[in-house]
Amino acid sequence: MARIPVTQAPTLLPKLHLSNSAMFELGKDVYIYEAVRTAIGLAVSGSNQKIGFYELETLQKKGSLEYHTDQLTQMRSREASLFTCSIDQQIARWDLRQALTSPAQVFKADDPLLSFDISANDALLVGGSKLNDSYSANISFWDPRAAAAPIKVFENSHSDDVSQIHCCPSAPNQFLSGSTDGLLCTFDVTQADEDEALLYVANTNASVAKCGYFGPNSQFIYAQSDMETLQLWTSDATQLADFGDVRDIKDSGVPIDYMAGFQYDEQTQRLYMISGTNEGDVHLLHVGAGSLEHIQALPSGHSAIVRAFDWDVSQGWAVSGGEDGRLSWWSINAPTAAATPVANTLQQSSASSNNSSAGSGNGNRRFSPY
């Protein structure tokens, strides 16, 4: 019997349909990590350290950039800028109004960076690092107006990788960090001393893979572990719900193997969970205080795990990207012609690979997101 109460809610949102698809790079074993909306279209990061830009809806490729020398870990979009973060210890800011030959600014850290965010008032850039050889997992701060070295570093709040950084949308002086040490920490950046800046600590007792704010005043926090457990907290570290392992909802007829992300819709004030199967199907669920509502399955868009999902709930569209290297566009408007089936696209990719020297013999290789 499933631990989590699950009901079917197919009419909660208009149904999404597969409308378009495209391959990130034909004939190459490249995963898609993340998809982010920008001022010039969709930015998509791949496991080959490249970022491609695509038209919304048509998924026509507009260009690409390549700068980082190690794995890309996160992207953020701000007006005419795109920020990119990497294991190579750098955050790069790209001016999307200019030719993307080199970044407009580079912010450097002393350790590989896993996560970052920009404060709501654009006054501070915050980055979280991997645990270093000195057993320190740092949170670094930069002034976005003056690149180069951090202006301060917090060294003691976490004892393992800082996997997540989220600046509070409704309180520019606060931010949230999540770590594989299981802690969710809330800070006040107006305090220079780390101990005084630390406002709240929530212990999830599980390695935090993803977390973030939600609610009309950003008063709630969701926390997903790398063991696929889910918890809900208040921003002052009071636990609201512990769903346990969400994969248990298979017993209720919703076959999911992992959580791919979360989307908070401000208009409806609802939190949605994006989950999927190892075979590439996506499942959309509404997260309640102690229950889940299954809204819709999105089949045929992918043939492997989906890592990226950007969803505009109010506008009725979403884009997904997966370990199959495929981008898929979903819309509440039924397509006039059927989108290319994933099997056909993969067949084309395979043919392209056989006719080139790109094949490296590691087609079954799994990439770690961090």
Protein backbone atom coordinates (compact mmCIF):
# COMPACT_ATOMS: atom_id res chain seq x y z
CA MET A 1 0.00 0.00 0.00
CA ALA A 2 1.34 3.45 -0.92
CA ARG A 3 2.47 5.63 1.97
CA ILE A 4 1.48 8.85 0.21
CA PRO A 5 -2.21 9.49 -0.55
CA VAL A 6 -2.53 9.94 -4.31
CA THR A 7 -5.62 10.95 -6.25
CA GLN A 8 -6.22 11.57 -9.94
CA ALA A 9 -6.87 15.19 -10.96
CA PRO A 10 -6.88 15.23 -14.79
CA THR A 11 -8.98 18.42 -14.97
CA LEU A 12 -6.84 20.49 -12.61
CA LEU A 13 -4.89 21.94 -15.57
CA PRO A 14 -5.38 21.97 -19.35
CA LYS A 15 -3.76 18.94 -20.95
CA LEU A 16 -0.29 19.35 -22.48
CA HIS A 17 0.49 17.76 -25.86
CA LEU A 18 3.82 16.99 -27.52
CA SER A 19 4.20 19.64 -30.23
CA ASN A 20 7.86 19.73 -31.28
CA SER A 21 11.17 18.07 -30.66
CA ALA A 22 14.83 18.56 -31.50
CA MET A 23 18.17 16.94 -30.69
CA PHE A 24 20.76 18.94 -28.75
CA GLU A 25 23.55 17.51 -30.91
CA LEU A 26 22.87 14.81 -33.49
CA GLY A 27 25.07 11.76 -33.41
CA LYS A 28 26.75 12.53 -30.08
CA ASP A 29 26.34 11.05 -26.63
CA VAL A 30 25.34 14.31 -24.91
CA TYR A 31 22.95 14.71 -22.01
CA ILE A 32 20.78 17.78 -21.49
CA TYR A 33 21.16 19.16 -17.98
CA GLU A 34 19.01 22.29 -17.80
CA ALA A 35 16.68 24.51 -19.83
CA VAL A 36 16.16 28.16 -18.87
CA ARG A 37 14.13 30.94 -20.49
CA THR A 38 16.14 34.01 -21.46
CA ALA A 39 15.62 37.30 -23.29
CA ILE A 40 16.66 35.65 -26.58
CA GLY A 41 14.90 32.32 -26.21
CA LEU A 42 15.62 29.05 -24.48
CA ALA A 43 19.13 28.37 -23.08
CA VAL A 44 19.95 24.65 -22.84
CA SER A 45 23.05 23.26 -21.15
CA GLY A 46 24.65 19.96 -22.14
CA SER A 47 27.11 17.47 -20.70
CA ASN A 48 29.68 18.62 -23.29
CA GLN A 49 30.00 22.03 -21.53
CA LYS A 50 28.11 23.72 -24.37
CA ILE A 51 25.01 25.91 -24.12
CA GLY A 52 22.62 26.09 -27.06
CA PHE A 53 19.98 28.75 -27.69
CA TYR A 54 16.62 27.78 -29.19
CA GLU A 55 13.46 29.50 -30.31
CA LEU A 56 10.54 28.91 -28.00
CA GLU A 57 7.92 26.56 -29.48
CA THR A 58 9.73 25.77 -32.76
CA LEU A 59 12.96 24.68 -31.01
CA GLN A 60 14.94 26.05 -33.94
CA LYS A 61 18.56 26.49 -32.88
CA LYS A 62 19.74 30.12 -32.88
CA GLY A 63 23.31 29.74 -31.70
CA SER A 64 25.54 28.40 -28.97
CA LEU A 65 28.35 29.33 -26.62
CA GLU A 66 31.24 27.44 -25.10
CA TYR A 67 33.43 28.77 -22.30
CA HIS A 68 33.57 26.56 -19.22
CA THR A 69 36.27 23.89 -19.06
CA ASP A 70 34.40 21.49 -16.77
CA GLN A 71 30.86 20.35 -16.12
CA LEU A 72 28.11 22.97 -16.13
CA THR A 73 26.11 22.82 -12.91
CA GLN A 74 23.54 25.63 -13.11
CA MET A 75 22.20 28.55 -15.15
CA ARG A 76 20.18 31.62 -14.12
CA SER A 77 18.54 34.25 -16.31
CA ARG A 78 18.21 37.95 -15.43
CA GLU A 79 16.76 40.39 -18.00
CA ALA A 80 19.40 40.65 -20.74
CA SER A 81 21.92 38.45 -18.90
CA LEU A 82 22.55 34.74 -18.57
CA PHE A 83 24.67 33.46 -15.67
CA THR A 84 26.37 30.08 -15.94
CA CYS A 85 28.10 28.09 -13.20
CA SER A 86 30.61 25.25 -13.42
CA ILE A 87 32.85 22.80 -11.63
CA ASP A 88 35.69 24.89 -13.10
CA GLN A 89 35.21 27.29 -10.13
CA GLN A 90 33.65 30.09 -12.17
CA ILE A 91 30.35 31.88 -12.62
CA ALA A 92 30.15 33.67 -15.96
CA ARG A 93 27.73 36.45 -16.88
CA TRP A 94 26.78 36.69 -20.55
CA ASP A 95 25.33 39.86 -22.05
CA LEU A 96 22.66 38.51 -24.40
CA ARG A 97 22.60 41.79 -26.32
CA GLN A 98 26.18 41.19 -27.49
CA ALA A 99 27.98 38.50 -29.47
CA LEU A 100 28.45 35.49 -27.21
CA THR A 101 32.16 35.07 -27.87
CA SER A 102 33.23 35.74 -24.28
CA PRO A 103 31.48 36.48 -20.98
CA ALA A 104 30.87 40.05 -19.89
CA GLN A 105 31.99 39.20 -16.34
CA VAL A 106 33.62 36.26 -14.58
CA PHE A 107 33.29 35.57 -10.85
CA LYS A 108 35.91 33.18 -9.48
CA ALA A 109 35.76 30.88 -6.47
CA ASP A 110 38.40 28.79 -4.72
CA ASP A 111 36.46 25.53 -5.11
CA PRO A 112 34.24 23.79 -7.70
CA LEU A 113 30.80 25.43 -7.76
CA LEU A 114 27.60 23.38 -7.63
CA SER A 115 24.95 26.08 -7.21
CA PHE A 116 24.36 29.82 -7.16
CA ASP A 117 21.69 32.51 -7.30
CA ILE A 118 21.29 36.28 -7.60
CA SER A 119 19.43 38.25 -4.93
CA ALA A 120 16.03 39.66 -5.83
CA ASN A 121 17.46 43.20 -5.88
CA ASP A 122 20.48 42.09 -8.00
CA ALA A 123 22.83 43.35 -5.28
CA LEU A 124 24.49 40.04 -4.43
CA LEU A 125 25.65 36.86 -6.14
CA VAL A 126 25.80 33.77 -3.90
CA GLY A 127 27.53 30.49 -4.79
CA GLY A 128 27.77 27.09 -3.09
CA SER A 129 30.77 24.79 -3.49
CA LYS A 130 31.80 21.17 -3.26
CA LEU A 131 33.48 19.95 -0.08
CA ASN A 132 37.18 20.75 -0.50
CA ASP A 133 40.33 18.98 0.69
CA SER A 134 40.22 20.99 3.91
CA TYR A 135 36.74 19.55 4.60
CA SER A 136 35.12 22.92 4.10
CA ALA A 137 32.01 23.47 1.99
CA ASN A 138 31.95 27.18 1.29
CA ILE A 139 29.26 29.71 0.45
CA SER A 140 30.85 32.61 -1.43
CA PHE A 141 29.49 36.10 -2.07
CA TRP A 142 30.26 38.51 -4.91
CA ASP A 143 29.21 42.04 -5.73
CA PRO A 144 27.72 41.69 -9.28
CA ARG A 145 28.99 45.19 -10.11
CA ALA A 146 32.60 44.19 -9.45
CA ALA A 147 33.68 40.75 -10.61
CA ALA A 148 36.72 38.67 -9.62
CA ALA A 149 37.19 37.50 -6.03
CA PRO A 150 34.42 36.98 -3.45
CA ILE A 151 33.74 39.79 -1.01
CA LYS A 152 33.16 37.28 1.80
CA VAL A 153 32.92 33.53 2.39
CA PHE A 154 30.91 31.44 4.88
CA GLU A 155 32.85 28.30 5.77
CA ASN A 156 31.18 26.65 8.76
CA SER A 157 27.45 26.24 8.16
CA HIS A 158 27.67 23.07 6.07
CA SER A 159 29.86 19.99 6.40
CA ASP A 160 29.33 18.63 2.88
CA ASP A 161 28.60 19.76 -0.70
CA VAL A 162 26.38 22.86 -0.95
CA SER A 163 24.07 21.48 -3.63
CA GLN A 164 21.53 24.32 -3.68
CA ILE A 165 21.43 28.11 -3.30
CA HIS A 166 18.17 30.05 -3.60
CA CYS A 167 17.79 33.75 -2.91
CA CYS A 168 14.41 34.59 -1.41
CA PRO A 169 12.10 36.23 -4.01
CA SER A 170 10.25 38.29 -1.40
CA ALA A 171 13.13 39.15 0.97
CA PRO A 172 16.23 40.36 -0.94
CA ASN A 173 18.43 40.08 2.15
CA GLN A 174 17.73 36.39 2.73
CA PHE A 175 18.79 33.21 0.99
CA LEU A 176 18.44 29.45 1.43
CA SER A 177 21.17 26.85 1.14
CA GLY A 178 20.75 23.08 0.89
CA SER A 179 23.49 20.53 1.35
CA THR A 180 24.24 16.84 1.14
CA ASP A 181 24.80 17.08 4.91
CA GLY A 182 21.00 17.16 5.15
CA LEU A 183 20.69 20.75 6.35
CA LEU A 184 18.57 23.59 5.01
CA CYS A 185 20.00 26.91 6.19
CA THR A 186 18.41 30.35 5.97
CA PHE A 187 20.71 33.38 6.14
CA ASP A 188 20.40 37.16 6.51
CA VAL A 189 23.10 38.68 4.31
CA THR A 190 22.99 42.02 6.10
CA GLN A 191 25.01 40.33 8.87
CA ALA A 192 28.72 40.03 8.11
CA ASP A 193 29.41 37.38 10.75
CA GLU A 194 28.39 33.86 9.66
CA ASP A 195 26.95 32.84 13.04
CA GLU A 196 24.86 35.99 13.25
CA ALA A 197 23.75 35.68 9.63
CA LEU A 198 22.42 32.14 10.14
CA LEU A 199 18.72 32.54 10.98
CA TYR A 200 17.26 29.04 10.81
CA VAL A 201 18.48 25.48 10.34
CA ALA A 202 16.25 22.56 9.34
CA ASN A 203 17.64 19.03 9.45
CA THR A 204 16.03 16.86 6.78
CA ASN A 205 18.11 13.80 7.78
CA ALA A 206 18.67 13.17 4.07
CA SER A 207 21.09 14.44 1.44
CA VAL A 208 19.44 17.51 -0.14
CA ALA A 209 19.48 17.32 -3.93
CA LYS A 210 17.01 20.14 -4.64
CA CYS A 211 15.18 22.72 -2.58
CA GLY A 212 13.45 26.03 -3.08
CA TYR A 213 10.94 28.58 -1.88
CA PHE A 214 7.24 28.56 -2.67
CA GLY A 215 4.08 30.30 -1.46
CA PRO A 216 2.72 33.82 -2.07
CA ASN A 217 5.29 35.30 0.33
CA SER A 218 7.98 32.63 -0.12
CA GLN A 219 7.03 31.37 3.31
CA PHE A 220 7.43 27.66 2.48
CA ILE A 221 10.32 25.45 1.39
CA TYR A 222 10.35 22.14 -0.45
CA ALA A 223 13.29 19.76 -0.06
CA GLN A 224 14.04 16.78 -2.29
CA SER A 225 16.73 14.27 -1.36
CA ASP A 226 18.93 12.20 -3.64
CA MET A 227 17.04 9.18 -2.28
CA GLU A 228 13.84 10.62 -3.84
CA THR A 229 12.24 11.66 -0.55
CA LEU A 230 10.25 14.88 -0.26
CA GLN A 231 9.65 17.22 2.68
CA LEU A 232 7.85 20.54 3.10
CA TRP A 233 8.98 23.15 5.63
CA THR A 234 8.15 26.69 6.65
CA SER A 235 10.87 29.25 6.02
CA ASP A 236 11.48 29.36 9.81
CA ALA A 237 12.36 25.63 9.87
CA THR A 238 9.08 24.06 11.00
CA GLN A 239 8.36 20.82 9.17
CA LEU A 240 4.93 20.69 7.52
CA ALA A 241 5.00 17.33 5.74
CA ASP A 242 7.28 14.35 5.20
CA PHE A 243 6.21 12.36 2.14
CA GLY A 244 8.97 9.79 2.44
CA ASP A 245 10.03 8.05 -0.76
CA VAL A 246 7.79 9.39 -3.54
CA ARG A 247 8.52 6.31 -5.64
CA ASP A 248 6.09 4.49 -3.34
CA ILE A 249 3.22 6.02 -5.32
CA LYS A 250 3.82 3.31 -7.90
CA ASP A 251 1.46 1.30 -5.70
CA SER A 252 -1.25 3.84 -6.55
CA GLY A 253 -0.78 3.40 -10.28
CA VAL A 254 1.63 6.30 -10.92
CA PRO A 255 4.90 4.70 -12.07
CA ILE A 256 7.69 7.15 -11.24
CA ASP A 257 11.38 6.49 -10.65
CA TYR A 258 12.62 9.99 -9.70
CA MET A 259 11.72 13.65 -9.22
CA ALA A 260 12.96 15.97 -11.96
CA GLY A 261 12.03 19.27 -10.31
CA PHE A 262 9.33 21.55 -8.96
CA GLN A 263 7.36 24.50 -10.30
CA TYR A 264 5.46 27.03 -8.20
CA ASP A 265 2.65 28.83 -10.03
CA GLU A 266 1.99 32.25 -8.54
CA GLN A 267 -1.43 32.64 -10.12
CA THR A 268 -2.94 29.48 -8.66
CA GLN A 269 -0.55 29.44 -5.65
CA ARG A 270 0.08 25.75 -6.25
CA LEU A 271 3.29 23.75 -6.09
CA TYR A 272 3.75 21.17 -8.83
CA MET A 273 6.16 18.25 -8.90
CA ILE A 274 7.72 17.04 -12.14
CA SER A 275 8.62 13.37 -11.96
CA GLY A 276 9.49 10.69 -14.47
CA THR A 277 10.35 7.15 -15.37
CA ASN A 278 13.69 5.75 -16.48
CA GLU A 279 12.09 5.12 -19.88
CA GLY A 280 11.45 8.85 -20.43
CA ASP A 281 7.81 9.41 -19.51
CA VAL A 282 7.07 12.54 -17.44
CA HIS A 283 4.38 12.76 -14.75
CA LEU A 284 2.99 16.04 -13.42
CA LEU A 285 1.60 16.12 -9.88
CA HIS A 286 0.12 18.77 -7.59
CA VAL A 287 1.74 18.77 -4.14
CA GLY A 288 -0.73 19.20 -1.29
CA ALA A 289 -0.04 19.54 2.42
CA GLY A 290 0.13 15.78 2.83
CA SER A 291 -1.04 14.28 -0.42
CA LEU A 292 -0.33 14.28 -4.16
CA GLU A 293 -2.71 14.76 -7.09
CA HIS A 294 -1.67 13.17 -10.37
CA ILE A 295 -2.54 15.60 -13.17
CA GLN A 296 -1.13 14.13 -16.35
CA ALA A 297 1.44 11.83 -17.94
CA LEU A 298 3.58 13.13 -20.81
CA PRO A 299 4.62 10.10 -22.87
CA SER A 300 6.71 9.75 -26.05
CA GLY A 301 8.84 12.84 -25.55
CA HIS A 302 11.93 11.01 -24.36
CA SER A 303 13.54 7.58 -24.21
CA ALA A 304 15.66 8.16 -21.09
CA ILE A 305 15.69 10.08 -17.81
CA VAL A 306 14.45 13.69 -18.04
CA ARG A 307 16.72 16.15 -16.24
CA ALA A 308 15.44 19.52 -17.49
CA PHE A 309 11.88 20.83 -17.32
CA ASP A 310 10.88 24.47 -17.70
CA TRP A 311 7.13 24.98 -17.34
CA ASP A 312 5.02 28.12 -17.77
CA VAL A 313 1.81 26.94 -16.14
CA SER A 314 -0.19 30.11 -16.84
CA GLN A 315 0.80 30.24 -20.53
CA GLY A 316 0.21 26.53 -21.04
CA TRP A 317 3.56 25.29 -22.30
CA ALA A 318 6.60 23.37 -21.10
CA VAL A 319 9.92 22.21 -22.47
CA SER A 320 11.80 19.10 -21.37
CA GLY A 321 15.32 17.81 -21.92
CA GLY A 322 16.77 14.44 -21.12
CA GLU A 323 19.66 12.04 -21.07
CA ASP A 324 18.67 11.04 -24.61
CA GLY A 325 19.90 14.49 -25.75
CA ARG A 326 16.42 15.42 -26.90
CA LEU A 327 14.41 18.61 -26.35
CA SER A 328 10.62 18.31 -26.38
CA TRP A 329 8.07 21.13 -26.51
CA TRP A 330 4.69 20.60 -24.85
CA SER A 331 1.67 22.85 -25.34
CA ILE A 332 -1.99 22.95 -24.38
CA ASN A 333 -2.66 23.67 -28.06
CA ALA A 334 -2.92 20.36 -29.88
CA PRO A 335 -0.37 20.20 -32.72
CA THR A 336 -1.67 20.45 -36.28
CA ALA A 337 0.76 17.70 -37.25
CA ALA A 338 2.18 14.96 -35.10
CA ALA A 339 5.59 15.67 -33.60
CA THR A 340 8.44 13.40 -34.65
CA PRO A 341 8.30 10.22 -32.53
CA VAL A 342 11.25 9.82 -30.22
CA ALA A 343 12.18 6.51 -31.83
CA ASN A 344 12.49 8.17 -35.24
CA THR A 345 14.69 10.94 -33.89
CA LEU A 346 16.95 8.47 -32.14
CA GLN A 347 17.21 6.42 -35.34
CA GLN A 348 18.33 9.54 -37.22
CA SER A 349 20.84 10.28 -34.46
CA SER A 350 22.20 6.74 -34.64
CA ALA A 351 22.59 6.94 -38.40
CA SER A 352 24.43 10.25 -38.09
CA SER A 353 26.73 8.74 -35.47
CA ASN A 354 27.53 5.74 -37.67
CA ASN A 355 28.58 8.06 -40.49
CA SER A 356 30.95 10.12 -38.37
CA SER A 357 33.85 9.66 -36.01
CA ALA A 358 31.91 11.07 -33.08
CA GLY A 359 31.02 7.69 -31.60
CA SER A 360 33.09 7.07 -28.51
CA GLY A 361 31.76 3.68 -27.50
CA ASN A 362 30.27 5.01 -24.25
CA GLY A 363 26.63 5.18 -25.24
CA ASN A 364 25.54 3.59 -21.94
CA ARG A 365 27.56 5.96 -19.80
CA ARG A 366 25.64 7.83 -17.08
CA PHE A 367 26.64 11.38 -16.24
CA SER A 368 26.36 12.70 -12.70
CA PRO A 369 24.65 16.10 -12.41
CA TYR A 370 27.33 17.18 -9.92
